[in-house]
Amino acid sequence: MRTHYNTDLSIEDIDKEVRLCGWCNSYRDHGGVIFIDLRDKSGIIQLVADPNSQAYHAASNVRDEFVLSAKGKVRARGEGLSNPKLKTGQIEVVLELLEIENKALTTPIIIGDETVNEELRLQYRYLDLRNPKNLQIFQIRSKVASVTRNFLESQGFIEVETPILTKATPEGARDYLVPSRIHQGEFYALPQSPQLFKQLLMMGGFEKYYQIAKCFRDEDLRADRQPEFTQIDVEMSFCTQHEVMQVAQSLILTIFAALGKQIDYEIPHISYHEAMEKYGSDKPDTRFDLPLVEVGDLFTESSNEIFRKIALDSQHNRFKALRVERGDSFFSRKMLSDLEQFVRGFGAKGLAYIQVKEECKDYSAQEIESCLKGPLVKFIDSKQLRTLLTRVRATKGDIIFFGAGEKKTVWDYMGRLRLEVAQAMNLIDKEKLSFVWVVDFPMFEKTSDGIKALHHPFTMPKNLEKENIEEIESLAYDIVLNGVELGGGSMRIHKNEIQSKIFDLLNITQEEARDKFGFLLNALQYGAPPHGGFAIGFDRLIMLLSGANSIRDVIAFPKTQKANCPLMNAPNSVSKEQLSELHIKVNN
């Protein structure tokens, strides 16, 4: 139907006869001459219908979003009439023939208007996708998938599809269950990840596997979570942790280079412990320098009994300081109150601070009173106060925020405060790409439900001989970009005795282990190779590469934050006959 896409044409094609197809992006009648901006996947070109042309009658009936096919001749626009905003802004097509292939109702959303309610845009997602910005996102998505396949296949990996209908296993989130019609009362589960299958492929001798895999998790949703999502899934045998991380890093840097984003520095490694202590997060945003500093030792003799007790128990508690350069003049009293309410939302009992009004010289009581302001000043003696200001490198005009209490709570809210302050003060370079590897994750974490595996129970422990279970680390690693976890992985347990020991520590009985993981335990007995792998969040990666605001913007037909699809009206109820076939009764 067409000879060219719109933006294939340029000033070099003047006098060429062309056939074009697309949608009416806009329609204008200028005193008898009709102008139509025709949009296709490449962009926009201007069509012109003169009153004496054969195309004029059809053009006069065109409205926005009508589907058109056009025949005409390319000519240069008149002097002073070029449109520098368009790639085709120097030319137009004079119509000889115009056909309306299909009419369109007035659209319920304005295409390209990002102020339109998101749920309404998702209800009419097929219209929302006509926004050229969305097409660019999915062009990026397609290119990244292609680059991924080419890179991994060049490294000797083979693509293998793993099952979607599988067995429910405890992997940290709720499974989506699929009832079996044939096996009454039994269920399949949709995979949270291909974790167990890719390990079985290593035991099957494939050695290098990859897949761009669909995954499903029935969990409480957040801004960047979806019930179904995509990941780049990779596994390899006879490898070290360093070798796996090198493949992951090379893949990511190759993808970024293909999109014109060259990374010219060595990606640093920091331990999980350092990340939590310095940034209050295991996915730190390292684009700006606002470190958390431990100052608990300076409060062990504080006159405040609460502070003293917190400081004396350094094993379970933390006393963190966050020095903000020039923060005293930036934060108003109301802003400080708002920050206190912010951290209270994450478990803080308050937000103490010290404002550095002037430089202290001899730290006399009179000088301290005039130079330093804040509720903490009176609870620490002058010697410790001097050490505190030196340790956090505070100078005139700075403000120092403090968080004290149970360490995980303090890490969390002080890490969030760090980000909140950086955003408020515009300290984050939006154009910067700051990667970091986080390594040496704890193998286990203590929860209200007992000991849990921090990653999953198939992760190889690093120092299983440690008596304190919280000191056992794992051969696990995450790669983080600008505070977003792009992906991660681990070396896997390939010896049955180690896997059994991990199950014991997790209080998983032999019977339970056999019931849930018998197939894996059996496979481990038949010559399992050392192996490890990683997964990269494909949707998150595309979000960062395209500059989208949410992963919902980079998924063709996403769910809302309430896990429903306004377009298809899913989930929905089904007939009694279907339920009966599946041996299910719904209690209303």
Protein backbone atom coordinates (compact mmCIF):
# COMPACT_ATOMS: atom_id res chain seq x y z
CA MET A 1 0.00 0.00 0.00
CA ARG A 2 2.94 2.37 0.62
CA THR A 3 6.15 3.22 -1.16
CA HIS A 4 7.79 4.98 1.80
CA TYR A 5 7.48 5.65 5.50
CA ASN A 6 6.96 9.35 6.19
CA THR A 7 10.42 10.19 7.47
CA ASP A 8 12.13 8.26 4.67
CA LEU A 9 11.36 11.33 2.55
CA SER A 10 13.53 14.43 2.44
CA ILE A 11 14.38 17.45 0.28
CA GLU A 12 16.16 15.03 -2.08
CA ASP A 13 12.80 13.42 -3.00
CA ILE A 14 11.20 16.55 -4.49
CA ASP A 15 8.95 15.75 -7.49
CA LYS A 16 8.87 12.07 -6.54
CA GLU A 17 5.45 10.41 -6.58
CA VAL A 18 4.81 8.52 -3.33
CA ARG A 19 2.16 6.46 -1.57
CA LEU A 20 1.85 6.90 2.19
CA CYS A 21 -0.33 5.37 4.93
CA GLY A 22 -1.12 6.29 8.52
CA TRP A 23 -3.39 8.19 10.88
CA CYS A 24 -4.54 11.79 10.80
CA ASN A 25 -2.60 13.46 13.58
CA SER A 26 -4.26 16.84 12.94
CA TYR A 27 -6.46 18.54 10.33
CA ARG A 28 -6.51 22.22 9.30
CA ASP A 29 -8.59 24.05 6.70
CA HIS A 30 -6.82 27.28 5.68
CA GLY A 31 -9.17 29.18 3.42
CA GLY A 32 -9.90 26.31 1.11
CA VAL A 33 -6.51 24.58 1.22
CA ILE A 34 -6.61 21.59 3.58
CA PHE A 35 -3.54 20.51 5.52
CA ILE A 36 -3.34 17.08 7.14
CA ASP A 37 -0.49 15.93 9.39
CA LEU A 38 -0.16 12.24 8.58
CA ARG A 39 1.39 10.09 11.31
CA ASP A 40 2.95 6.66 10.86
CA LYS A 41 5.43 4.75 13.01
CA SER A 42 8.34 6.81 11.69
CA GLY A 43 6.89 10.26 12.33
CA ILE A 44 4.78 13.02 10.75
CA ILE A 45 4.62 14.51 7.29
CA GLN A 46 2.33 17.29 6.00
CA LEU A 47 -0.21 16.50 3.26
CA VAL A 48 -1.79 19.31 1.21
CA ALA A 49 -5.14 19.08 -0.61
CA ASP A 50 -5.81 21.92 -3.07
CA PRO A 51 -9.47 22.77 -3.83
CA ASN A 52 -9.15 21.69 -7.47
CA SER A 53 -7.53 18.32 -6.65
CA GLN A 54 -9.20 14.93 -6.86
CA ALA A 55 -8.30 14.38 -3.18
CA TYR A 56 -10.07 17.49 -1.89
CA HIS A 57 -13.50 16.01 -1.22
CA ALA A 58 -12.07 13.12 0.81
CA ALA A 59 -9.72 15.48 2.66
CA SER A 60 -12.61 17.73 3.71
CA ASN A 61 -14.17 14.75 5.52
CA VAL A 62 -11.04 13.75 7.43
CA ARG A 63 -10.90 14.14 11.20
CA ASP A 64 -8.33 13.25 13.88
CA GLU A 65 -7.29 9.57 14.01
CA PHE A 66 -8.94 8.64 10.71
CA VAL A 67 -6.92 5.94 8.93
CA LEU A 68 -5.70 7.22 5.56
CA SER A 69 -3.85 6.12 2.46
CA ALA A 70 -2.50 8.88 0.25
CA LYS A 71 -0.93 9.31 -3.17
CA GLY A 72 0.85 12.48 -4.12
CA LYS A 73 4.00 14.32 -5.16
CA VAL A 74 6.73 15.65 -2.86
CA ARG A 75 7.47 19.37 -3.03
CA ALA A 76 9.43 21.88 -0.97
CA ARG A 77 7.49 24.00 1.48
CA GLY A 78 7.17 27.68 0.66
CA GLU A 79 9.75 30.19 1.84
CA GLY A 80 9.51 30.73 5.60
CA LEU A 81 7.07 27.83 6.01
CA SER A 82 9.54 25.11 7.07
CA ASN A 83 8.90 23.38 10.41
CA PRO A 84 12.23 22.70 12.19
CA LYS A 85 10.43 20.56 14.79
CA LEU A 86 9.69 17.90 12.16
CA LYS A 87 12.23 15.68 10.42
CA THR A 88 10.15 16.25 7.27
CA GLY A 89 9.71 19.95 8.02
CA GLN A 90 11.21 21.16 4.73
CA ILE A 91 8.80 19.23 2.50
CA GLU A 92 5.13 18.36 2.04
CA VAL A 93 3.15 16.00 -0.17
CA VAL A 94 0.63 17.51 -2.59
CA LEU A 95 -2.26 15.06 -2.74
CA GLU A 96 -3.47 13.51 -5.97
CA LEU A 97 -5.59 10.86 -4.29
CA LEU A 98 -6.73 10.32 -0.71
CA GLU A 99 -8.67 7.36 0.65
CA ILE A 100 -10.26 7.14 4.07
CA GLU A 101 -9.54 3.53 5.03
CA ASN A 102 -11.41 3.85 8.31
CA LYS A 103 -13.13 6.53 10.35
CA ALA A 104 -12.59 7.07 14.08
CA LEU A 105 -14.83 8.25 16.87
CA THR A 106 -13.71 11.19 18.97
CA THR A 107 -11.09 9.61 21.22
CA PRO A 108 -11.88 9.42 24.97
CA ILE A 109 -8.28 10.42 25.72
CA ILE A 110 -6.06 13.01 24.11
CA ILE A 111 -3.18 11.04 22.63
CA GLY A 112 0.11 12.19 24.08
CA ASP A 113 -1.46 14.08 27.00
CA GLU A 114 0.34 12.66 30.04
CA THR A 115 -1.95 14.50 32.44
CA VAL A 116 -4.74 12.08 31.54
CA ASN A 117 -5.61 9.72 34.40
CA GLU A 118 -3.44 6.60 34.13
CA GLU A 119 -6.31 4.16 34.63
CA LEU A 120 -8.20 5.81 31.75
CA ARG A 121 -5.10 5.60 29.56
CA LEU A 122 -4.76 1.90 30.39
CA GLN A 123 -8.46 1.32 29.66
CA TYR A 124 -7.79 2.68 26.15
CA ARG A 125 -4.22 1.43 25.97
CA TYR A 126 -4.43 0.81 22.21
CA LEU A 127 -4.99 4.57 21.80
CA ASP A 128 -2.35 5.48 24.37
CA LEU A 129 0.17 3.37 22.45
CA ARG A 130 -0.27 5.68 19.43
CA ASN A 131 1.73 8.28 21.34
CA PRO A 132 5.09 8.40 19.48
CA LYS A 133 6.87 8.40 22.82
CA ASN A 134 5.41 4.96 23.56
CA LEU A 135 6.47 3.61 20.18
CA GLN A 136 10.04 4.76 20.93
CA ILE A 137 9.95 2.88 24.25
CA PHE A 138 8.98 -0.38 22.53
CA GLN A 139 11.57 0.14 19.81
CA ILE A 140 14.14 0.35 22.61
CA ARG A 141 12.65 -2.75 24.24
CA SER A 142 12.88 -4.69 20.99
CA LYS A 143 16.47 -3.56 20.38
CA VAL A 144 17.56 -4.53 23.90
CA ALA A 145 16.06 -8.00 23.46
CA SER A 146 17.95 -8.38 20.18
CA VAL A 147 21.25 -7.13 21.65
CA THR A 148 20.80 -9.49 24.61
CA ARG A 149 20.30 -12.53 22.39
CA ASN A 150 23.20 -11.64 20.09
CA PHE A 151 25.59 -11.05 22.98
CA LEU A 152 24.73 -14.20 24.93
CA GLU A 153 24.79 -16.40 21.84
CA SER A 154 28.20 -14.96 20.96
CA GLN A 155 29.34 -16.15 24.39
CA GLY A 156 28.11 -19.69 23.80
CA PHE A 157 24.77 -19.51 25.63
CA ILE A 158 21.69 -21.24 24.21
CA GLU A 159 18.10 -20.11 24.67
CA VAL A 160 15.82 -22.63 26.38
CA GLU A 161 12.16 -22.05 27.25
CA THR A 162 11.09 -23.37 30.64
CA PRO A 163 7.53 -24.30 31.70
CA ILE A 164 4.84 -21.79 32.62
CA LEU A 165 2.66 -24.41 34.33
CA THR A 166 4.76 -25.84 37.13
CA LYS A 167 4.86 -26.79 40.82
CA ALA A 168 4.25 -24.40 43.72
CA THR A 169 7.49 -23.91 45.68
CA PRO A 170 8.28 -21.44 48.49
CA GLU A 171 10.36 -18.69 46.84
CA GLY A 172 9.46 -15.62 48.88
CA ALA A 173 6.21 -14.40 47.30
CA ARG A 174 2.77 -15.91 46.80
CA ASP A 175 2.28 -18.12 43.77
CA TYR A 176 -0.42 -17.63 41.18
CA LEU A 177 -2.21 -20.97 41.23
CA VAL A 178 -3.91 -22.66 38.27
CA PRO A 179 -6.48 -25.36 39.14
CA SER A 180 -6.26 -28.64 37.25
CA ARG A 181 -9.43 -29.91 35.61
CA ILE A 182 -7.99 -33.40 35.16
CA HIS A 183 -6.40 -33.76 38.59
CA GLN A 184 -9.23 -32.85 40.96
CA GLY A 185 -8.18 -30.67 43.90
CA GLU A 186 -4.65 -30.16 42.58
CA PHE A 187 -2.99 -27.03 41.23
CA TYR A 188 -0.22 -25.87 38.99
CA ALA A 189 1.67 -22.68 39.85
CA LEU A 190 2.92 -19.98 37.51
CA PRO A 191 6.71 -19.61 37.97
CA GLN A 192 8.01 -16.80 40.16
CA SER A 193 11.25 -17.32 38.22
CA PRO A 194 12.83 -20.16 36.23
CA GLN A 195 15.26 -20.69 39.15
CA LEU A 196 14.88 -24.43 39.66
CA PHE A 197 14.57 -25.25 35.98
CA LYS A 198 17.75 -23.43 35.03
CA GLN A 199 19.61 -25.31 37.77
CA LEU A 200 18.23 -28.57 36.38
CA LEU A 201 19.46 -27.53 32.92
CA MET A 202 22.96 -27.17 34.37
CA MET A 203 22.61 -30.67 35.82
CA GLY A 204 21.48 -31.75 32.35
CA GLY A 205 24.84 -30.66 30.94
CA PHE A 206 23.72 -27.58 28.98
CA GLU A 207 26.42 -25.50 30.74
CA LYS A 208 25.26 -22.13 29.35
CA TYR A 209 21.55 -21.23 29.31
CA TYR A 210 19.61 -18.02 28.84
CA GLN A 211 16.01 -16.96 28.41
CA ILE A 212 14.01 -13.74 28.28
CA ALA A 213 11.51 -15.18 30.70
CA LYS A 214 8.02 -14.31 31.90
CA CYS A 215 7.68 -14.47 35.69
CA PHE A 216 4.65 -14.19 37.98
CA ARG A 217 4.37 -13.11 41.60
CA ASP A 218 1.20 -12.53 43.59
CA GLU A 219 2.54 -9.86 45.92
CA ASP A 220 1.49 -6.49 47.26
CA LEU A 221 2.22 -4.06 44.46
CA ARG A 222 4.43 -0.99 44.56
CA ALA A 223 5.26 1.62 41.96
CA ASP A 224 7.68 -0.59 40.07
CA ARG A 225 6.09 -4.00 40.61
CA GLN A 226 3.79 -5.94 38.30
CA PRO A 227 2.11 -9.32 38.84
CA GLU A 228 3.71 -10.49 35.60
CA PHE A 229 7.09 -9.23 34.52
CA THR A 230 10.05 -10.14 32.34
CA GLN A 231 13.62 -10.92 33.23
CA ILE A 232 16.80 -11.80 31.36
CA ASP A 233 17.64 -15.13 32.95
CA VAL A 234 21.14 -16.63 32.69
CA GLU A 235 22.89 -19.67 34.18
CA MET A 236 26.34 -21.15 33.60
CA SER A 237 28.36 -24.13 34.84
CA PHE A 238 32.00 -24.64 35.88
CA CYS A 239 32.38 -20.98 36.76
CA THR A 240 33.42 -18.69 39.60
CA GLN A 241 31.42 -15.83 41.06
CA HIS A 242 33.77 -13.39 39.31
CA GLU A 243 33.13 -15.03 35.92
CA VAL A 244 29.34 -14.88 36.33
CA MET A 245 29.50 -11.23 37.36
CA GLN A 246 31.73 -10.44 34.38
CA VAL A 247 29.18 -11.92 31.96
CA ALA A 248 26.36 -9.92 33.61
CA GLN A 249 28.40 -6.72 33.60
CA SER A 250 29.52 -7.15 29.98
CA LEU A 251 25.94 -7.80 28.88
CA ILE A 252 24.63 -4.69 30.62
CA LEU A 253 27.42 -2.46 29.31
CA THR A 254 26.92 -3.85 25.80
CA ILE A 255 23.21 -3.01 26.01
CA PHE A 256 23.93 0.52 27.21
CA ALA A 257 26.55 1.04 24.49
CA ALA A 258 24.06 -0.11 21.83
CA LEU A 259 21.73 2.67 23.05
CA GLY A 260 24.53 5.25 22.85
CA LYS A 261 25.34 5.24 26.57
CA GLN A 262 29.02 4.32 26.88
CA ILE A 263 30.26 3.45 30.40
CA ASP A 264 33.95 4.32 30.72
CA TYR A 265 34.72 3.38 34.33
CA GLU A 266 35.25 0.18 36.28
CA ILE A 267 32.09 -0.70 38.21
CA PRO A 268 32.99 -0.67 41.92
CA HIS A 269 32.11 -3.45 44.39
CA ILE A 270 30.85 -2.80 47.92
CA SER A 271 29.70 -5.29 50.51
CA TYR A 272 26.11 -5.51 51.69
CA HIS A 273 27.32 -4.46 55.15
CA GLU A 274 29.07 -1.35 53.78
CA ALA A 275 26.05 -0.44 51.66
CA MET A 276 23.71 -0.59 54.66
CA GLU A 277 26.08 1.25 56.99
CA LYS A 278 26.98 4.01 54.52
CA TYR A 279 23.77 4.39 52.49
CA GLY A 280 21.04 2.68 54.53
CA SER A 281 20.10 0.59 51.48
CA ASP A 282 21.22 -2.56 49.68
CA LYS A 283 20.53 -0.72 46.40
CA PRO A 284 22.34 2.56 47.05
CA ASP A 285 22.07 5.59 44.81
CA THR A 286 25.72 6.63 44.47
CA ARG A 287 25.18 9.62 42.19
CA PHE A 288 25.66 11.95 45.15
CA ASP A 289 27.86 11.98 48.25
CA LEU A 290 25.74 12.01 51.39
CA PRO A 291 27.10 9.16 53.52
CA LEU A 292 25.63 7.98 56.81
CA VAL A 293 28.28 8.07 59.56
CA GLU A 294 28.20 5.92 62.70
CA VAL A 295 28.57 8.05 65.85
CA GLY A 296 27.19 5.71 68.52
CA ASP A 297 30.55 5.54 70.35
CA LEU A 298 30.28 9.28 71.06
CA PHE A 299 26.99 8.82 72.95
CA THR A 300 27.95 5.95 75.29
CA GLU A 301 28.34 8.47 78.11
CA SER A 302 25.55 10.80 77.05
CA SER A 303 23.49 12.49 79.76
CA ASN A 304 20.39 11.25 77.92
CA GLU A 305 19.63 7.75 79.21
CA ILE A 306 17.77 6.67 76.04
CA PHE A 307 20.66 7.73 73.80
CA ARG A 308 23.18 6.07 76.12
CA LYS A 309 21.33 2.73 76.11
CA ILE A 310 21.03 2.75 72.33
CA ALA A 311 24.73 3.58 71.92
CA LEU A 312 25.91 0.90 74.36
CA ASP A 313 24.23 -1.92 72.39
CA SER A 314 26.18 -1.54 69.15
CA GLN A 315 25.45 -5.11 68.08
CA HIS A 316 21.72 -4.52 67.65
CA ASN A 317 21.49 -0.72 67.40
CA ARG A 318 22.84 2.10 65.26
CA PHE A 319 23.38 5.82 65.88
CA LYS A 320 23.73 7.43 62.46
CA ALA A 321 24.60 11.01 61.50
CA LEU A 322 23.84 12.58 58.11
CA ARG A 323 25.72 15.82 57.51
CA VAL A 324 24.15 18.03 54.84
CA GLU A 325 26.38 20.77 53.44
CA ARG A 326 24.68 24.22 53.54
CA GLY A 327 21.59 22.54 54.90
CA ASP A 328 21.06 25.02 57.75
CA SER A 329 20.15 27.85 55.40
CA PHE A 330 18.20 25.58 53.02
CA PHE A 331 15.79 23.88 55.41
CA SER A 332 13.10 26.06 56.96
CA ARG A 333 11.44 25.11 60.24
CA LYS A 334 8.46 23.77 58.34
CA MET A 335 10.69 21.69 56.08
CA LEU A 336 12.42 20.21 59.11
CA SER A 337 9.02 19.36 60.58
CA ASP A 338 8.02 17.71 57.31
CA LEU A 339 11.22 15.65 57.29
CA GLU A 340 10.47 14.48 60.82
CA GLN A 341 7.00 13.35 59.77
CA PHE A 342 8.56 11.63 56.77
CA VAL A 343 10.93 9.47 58.84
CA ARG A 344 8.24 8.75 61.43
CA GLY A 345 6.38 7.01 58.62
CA PHE A 346 9.23 4.49 58.46
CA GLY A 347 9.58 3.75 62.16
CA ALA A 348 11.57 6.71 63.50
CA LYS A 349 10.52 8.11 66.87
CA GLY A 350 11.70 11.56 65.86
CA LEU A 351 14.44 13.40 63.97
CA ALA A 352 17.13 15.12 65.99
CA TYR A 353 19.56 17.56 64.36
CA ILE A 354 22.37 20.00 65.04
CA GLN A 355 22.63 23.28 63.10
CA VAL A 356 26.18 24.60 62.69
CA LYS A 357 25.70 28.37 62.95
CA GLU A 358 29.38 29.25 63.39
CA GLU A 359 32.73 27.46 63.55
CA CYS A 360 33.70 26.38 67.07
CA LYS A 361 37.28 27.20 68.11
CA ASP A 362 37.76 26.23 71.77
CA TYR A 363 34.40 24.47 72.36
CA SER A 364 33.74 26.35 75.57
CA ALA A 365 30.22 26.11 76.93
CA GLN A 366 29.49 29.71 75.94
CA GLU A 367 30.86 29.21 72.41
CA ILE A 368 28.93 25.98 71.87
CA GLU A 369 25.71 27.69 72.93
CA SER A 370 26.17 30.44 70.31
CA CYS A 371 27.63 28.31 67.49
CA LEU A 372 25.53 25.13 67.59
CA LYS A 373 21.77 24.81 67.81
CA GLY A 374 19.64 21.72 68.21
CA PRO A 375 18.21 19.35 70.80
CA LEU A 376 21.22 17.00 70.81
CA VAL A 377 23.83 19.61 71.76
CA LYS A 378 23.03 19.49 75.49
CA PHE A 379 23.30 15.69 75.65
CA ILE A 380 26.94 15.39 74.54
CA ASP A 381 30.05 16.91 76.18
CA SER A 382 32.37 19.32 74.41
CA LYS A 383 35.13 16.78 73.72
CA GLN A 384 32.75 14.34 72.05
CA LEU A 385 31.04 17.20 70.24
CA ARG A 386 34.39 18.26 68.74
CA THR A 387 35.02 14.67 67.60
CA LEU A 388 31.51 14.45 66.15
CA LEU A 389 31.88 17.58 64.01
CA THR A 390 35.31 16.47 62.80
CA ARG A 391 34.10 12.95 61.97
CA VAL A 392 31.20 14.15 59.81
CA ARG A 393 33.29 17.07 58.41
CA ALA A 394 30.74 19.67 59.47
CA THR A 395 31.42 23.35 58.83
CA LYS A 396 29.53 26.61 59.18
CA GLY A 397 26.12 26.49 57.51
CA ASP A 398 25.73 22.71 57.66
CA ILE A 399 23.02 20.71 59.38
CA ILE A 400 23.52 17.23 60.85
CA PHE A 401 20.55 14.85 61.12
CA PHE A 402 20.58 11.92 63.54
CA GLY A 403 18.82 8.57 63.67
CA ALA A 404 19.12 6.16 66.60
CA GLY A 405 17.56 2.81 67.46
CA GLU A 406 17.28 -0.73 66.16
CA LYS A 407 19.75 -1.03 63.31
CA LYS A 408 17.47 -2.23 60.49
CA THR A 409 14.93 0.48 61.28
CA VAL A 410 17.62 3.18 61.44
CA TRP A 411 19.24 1.99 58.21
CA ASP A 412 15.87 2.13 56.48
CA TYR A 413 14.63 5.56 57.52
CA MET A 414 18.03 7.26 57.40
CA GLY A 415 18.61 5.81 53.92
CA ARG A 416 15.25 7.19 52.84
CA LEU A 417 16.04 10.53 54.48
CA ARG A 418 19.30 10.65 52.51
CA LEU A 419 17.36 10.31 49.24
CA GLU A 420 14.67 12.78 50.34
CA VAL A 421 17.27 15.43 51.20
CA ALA A 422 19.15 14.88 47.93
CA GLN A 423 15.97 15.29 45.91
CA ALA A 424 14.87 18.37 47.85
CA MET A 425 18.28 20.05 47.40
CA ASN A 426 18.61 18.96 43.75
CA LEU A 427 21.85 17.10 44.44
CA ILE A 428 21.15 14.27 41.99
CA ASP A 429 22.61 14.51 38.50
CA LYS A 430 19.75 13.09 36.39
CA GLU A 431 22.08 12.45 33.45
CA LYS A 432 24.63 10.46 35.44
CA LEU A 433 24.81 6.66 35.26
CA SER A 434 26.24 5.33 38.53
CA PHE A 435 26.62 1.55 38.69
CA VAL A 436 27.72 -0.43 41.73
CA TRP A 437 27.97 -4.13 42.56
CA VAL A 438 26.70 -5.10 46.02
CA VAL A 439 28.24 -8.38 47.21
CA ASP A 440 28.51 -10.62 50.28
CA PHE A 441 24.83 -10.59 51.21
CA PRO A 442 23.75 -12.31 54.43
CA MET A 443 22.61 -15.86 53.79
CA PHE A 444 19.75 -15.60 56.28
CA GLU A 445 17.55 -13.00 57.91
CA LYS A 446 15.57 -13.20 61.12
CA THR A 447 11.87 -12.43 60.73
CA SER A 448 8.80 -12.67 62.93
CA ASP A 449 8.16 -16.02 61.23
CA GLY A 450 11.64 -17.35 62.00
CA ILE A 451 14.82 -17.71 59.96
CA LYS A 452 14.39 -17.08 56.22
CA ALA A 453 16.80 -17.22 53.26
CA LEU A 454 17.54 -13.63 52.21
CA HIS A 455 17.73 -14.56 48.51
CA HIS A 456 16.57 -18.17 48.15
CA PRO A 457 17.53 -21.46 49.83
CA PHE A 458 19.62 -22.64 46.85
CA THR A 459 22.26 -19.90 47.25
CA MET A 460 25.77 -21.14 48.05
CA PRO A 461 26.88 -20.01 51.54
CA LYS A 462 30.27 -18.36 51.86
CA ASN A 463 31.14 -19.20 55.47
CA LEU A 464 28.73 -21.86 56.69
CA GLU A 465 31.01 -22.66 59.64
CA LYS A 466 30.02 -19.44 61.47
CA GLU A 467 28.21 -20.14 64.73
CA ASN A 468 26.11 -16.97 64.59
CA ILE A 469 23.63 -17.58 61.78
CA GLU A 470 23.38 -13.84 61.05
CA GLU A 471 27.12 -13.75 60.23
CA ILE A 472 26.85 -16.38 57.51
CA GLU A 473 27.29 -14.69 54.14
CA SER A 474 26.34 -15.94 50.70
CA LEU A 475 27.95 -15.92 47.28
CA ALA A 476 25.28 -13.52 46.06
CA TYR A 477 25.55 -10.27 44.13
CA ASP A 478 23.32 -7.47 42.87
CA ILE A 479 24.09 -4.85 40.24
CA VAL A 480 22.54 -1.47 41.03
CA LEU A 481 22.10 1.58 38.82
CA ASN A 482 21.11 4.97 40.26
CA GLY A 483 19.48 3.35 43.28
CA VAL A 484 17.56 0.77 41.24
CA GLU A 485 18.39 -2.92 41.47
CA LEU A 486 18.89 -3.90 37.83
CA GLY A 487 19.50 -7.52 38.60
CA GLY A 488 21.46 -10.00 40.60
CA GLY A 489 22.16 -13.62 41.25
CA SER A 490 24.28 -16.07 43.13
CA MET A 491 26.38 -19.16 42.98
CA ARG A 492 24.16 -22.18 43.62
CA ILE A 493 24.47 -25.09 45.98
CA HIS A 494 25.60 -28.10 43.97
CA LYS A 495 26.26 -30.54 46.82
CA ASN A 496 23.46 -32.43 48.53
CA GLU A 497 25.00 -32.25 52.00
CA ILE A 498 25.22 -28.44 51.87
CA GLN A 499 21.65 -28.16 50.60
CA SER A 500 20.45 -30.42 53.42
CA LYS A 501 22.34 -28.29 55.98
CA ILE A 502 20.66 -25.13 54.66
CA PHE A 503 17.23 -26.77 54.91
CA ASP A 504 18.04 -27.73 58.51
CA LEU A 505 18.95 -24.13 59.38
CA LEU A 506 15.68 -22.98 57.79
CA ASN A 507 13.76 -25.55 59.85
CA ILE A 508 12.60 -27.32 56.69
CA THR A 509 12.13 -30.98 57.59
CA GLN A 510 13.38 -33.81 55.39
CA GLU A 511 9.77 -34.72 54.60
CA GLU A 512 8.93 -31.12 53.63
CA ALA A 513 12.13 -30.81 51.59
CA ARG A 514 11.34 -34.04 49.75
CA ASP A 515 7.78 -32.91 49.10
CA LYS A 516 8.69 -29.46 47.78
CA PHE A 517 12.18 -29.98 46.30
CA GLY A 518 12.53 -33.75 45.89
CA PHE A 519 13.25 -33.40 42.17
CA LEU A 520 16.14 -31.01 42.89
CA LEU A 521 17.56 -33.11 45.73
CA ASN A 522 17.44 -36.18 43.49
CA ALA A 523 19.21 -34.31 40.68
CA LEU A 524 21.98 -33.17 43.05
CA GLN A 525 22.89 -36.85 43.58
CA TYR A 526 23.71 -37.47 39.92
CA GLY A 527 26.75 -35.31 39.37
CA ALA A 528 25.66 -31.66 39.63
CA PRO A 529 28.36 -29.24 38.38
CA PRO A 530 29.38 -26.04 40.18
CA HIS A 531 27.08 -23.41 38.72
CA GLY A 532 25.73 -19.92 39.17
CA GLY A 533 23.74 -17.31 37.36
CA PHE A 534 21.92 -14.03 37.38
CA ALA A 535 18.69 -12.38 36.32
CA ILE A 536 18.25 -8.81 35.08
CA GLY A 537 14.91 -7.06 35.48
CA PHE A 538 14.08 -6.46 31.81
CA ASP A 539 11.24 -4.01 32.50
CA ARG A 540 13.32 -1.98 34.97
CA LEU A 541 16.20 -1.91 32.50
CA ILE A 542 13.96 -0.54 29.74
CA MET A 543 12.46 2.00 32.16
CA LEU A 544 15.93 3.38 32.93
CA LEU A 545 17.11 3.31 29.31
CA SER A 546 14.00 5.06 27.99
CA GLY A 547 13.57 7.58 30.81
CA ALA A 548 10.05 6.29 31.52
CA ASN A 549 8.42 7.13 34.84
CA SER A 550 7.26 3.60 35.69
CA ILE A 551 7.63 0.02 34.49
CA ARG A 552 3.95 0.21 33.53
CA ASP A 553 5.04 2.58 30.74
CA VAL A 554 7.36 -0.04 29.24
CA ILE A 555 4.95 -3.00 29.30
CA ALA A 556 2.57 -3.14 26.34
CA PHE A 557 -0.51 -4.06 28.36
CA PRO A 558 0.28 -3.59 32.06
CA LYS A 559 -1.81 -4.03 35.18
CA THR A 560 -2.66 -1.15 37.51
CA GLN A 561 -1.27 -0.82 41.03
CA LYS A 562 -4.33 -2.82 42.13
CA ALA A 563 -3.27 -5.68 39.80
CA ASN A 564 -6.23 -5.34 37.45
CA CYS A 565 -6.37 -4.72 33.70
CA PRO A 566 -8.86 -1.94 32.80
CA LEU A 567 -8.55 -2.78 29.10
CA MET A 568 -9.68 -6.42 29.39
CA ASN A 569 -11.55 -5.97 32.69
CA ALA A 570 -9.46 -8.70 34.29
CA PRO A 571 -9.64 -10.43 36.66
CA ASN A 572 -13.33 -11.18 36.35
CA SER A 573 -15.83 -13.79 37.48
CA VAL A 574 -16.41 -16.96 35.47
CA SER A 575 -19.45 -19.15 34.93
CA LYS A 576 -20.63 -21.78 37.37
CA GLU A 577 -20.04 -24.38 34.65
CA GLN A 578 -16.35 -23.47 34.41
CA LEU A 579 -15.97 -23.56 38.18
CA SER A 580 -17.71 -26.90 38.33
CA GLU A 581 -15.31 -28.36 35.75
CA LEU A 582 -12.43 -27.27 37.96
CA HIS A 583 -14.08 -28.63 41.13
CA ILE A 584 -14.08 -25.14 42.67
CA LYS A 585 -16.75 -23.51 44.81
CA VAL A 586 -16.59 -19.76 45.42
CA ASN A 587 -17.68 -18.48 48.84
CA ASN A 588 -19.22 -15.03 48.44
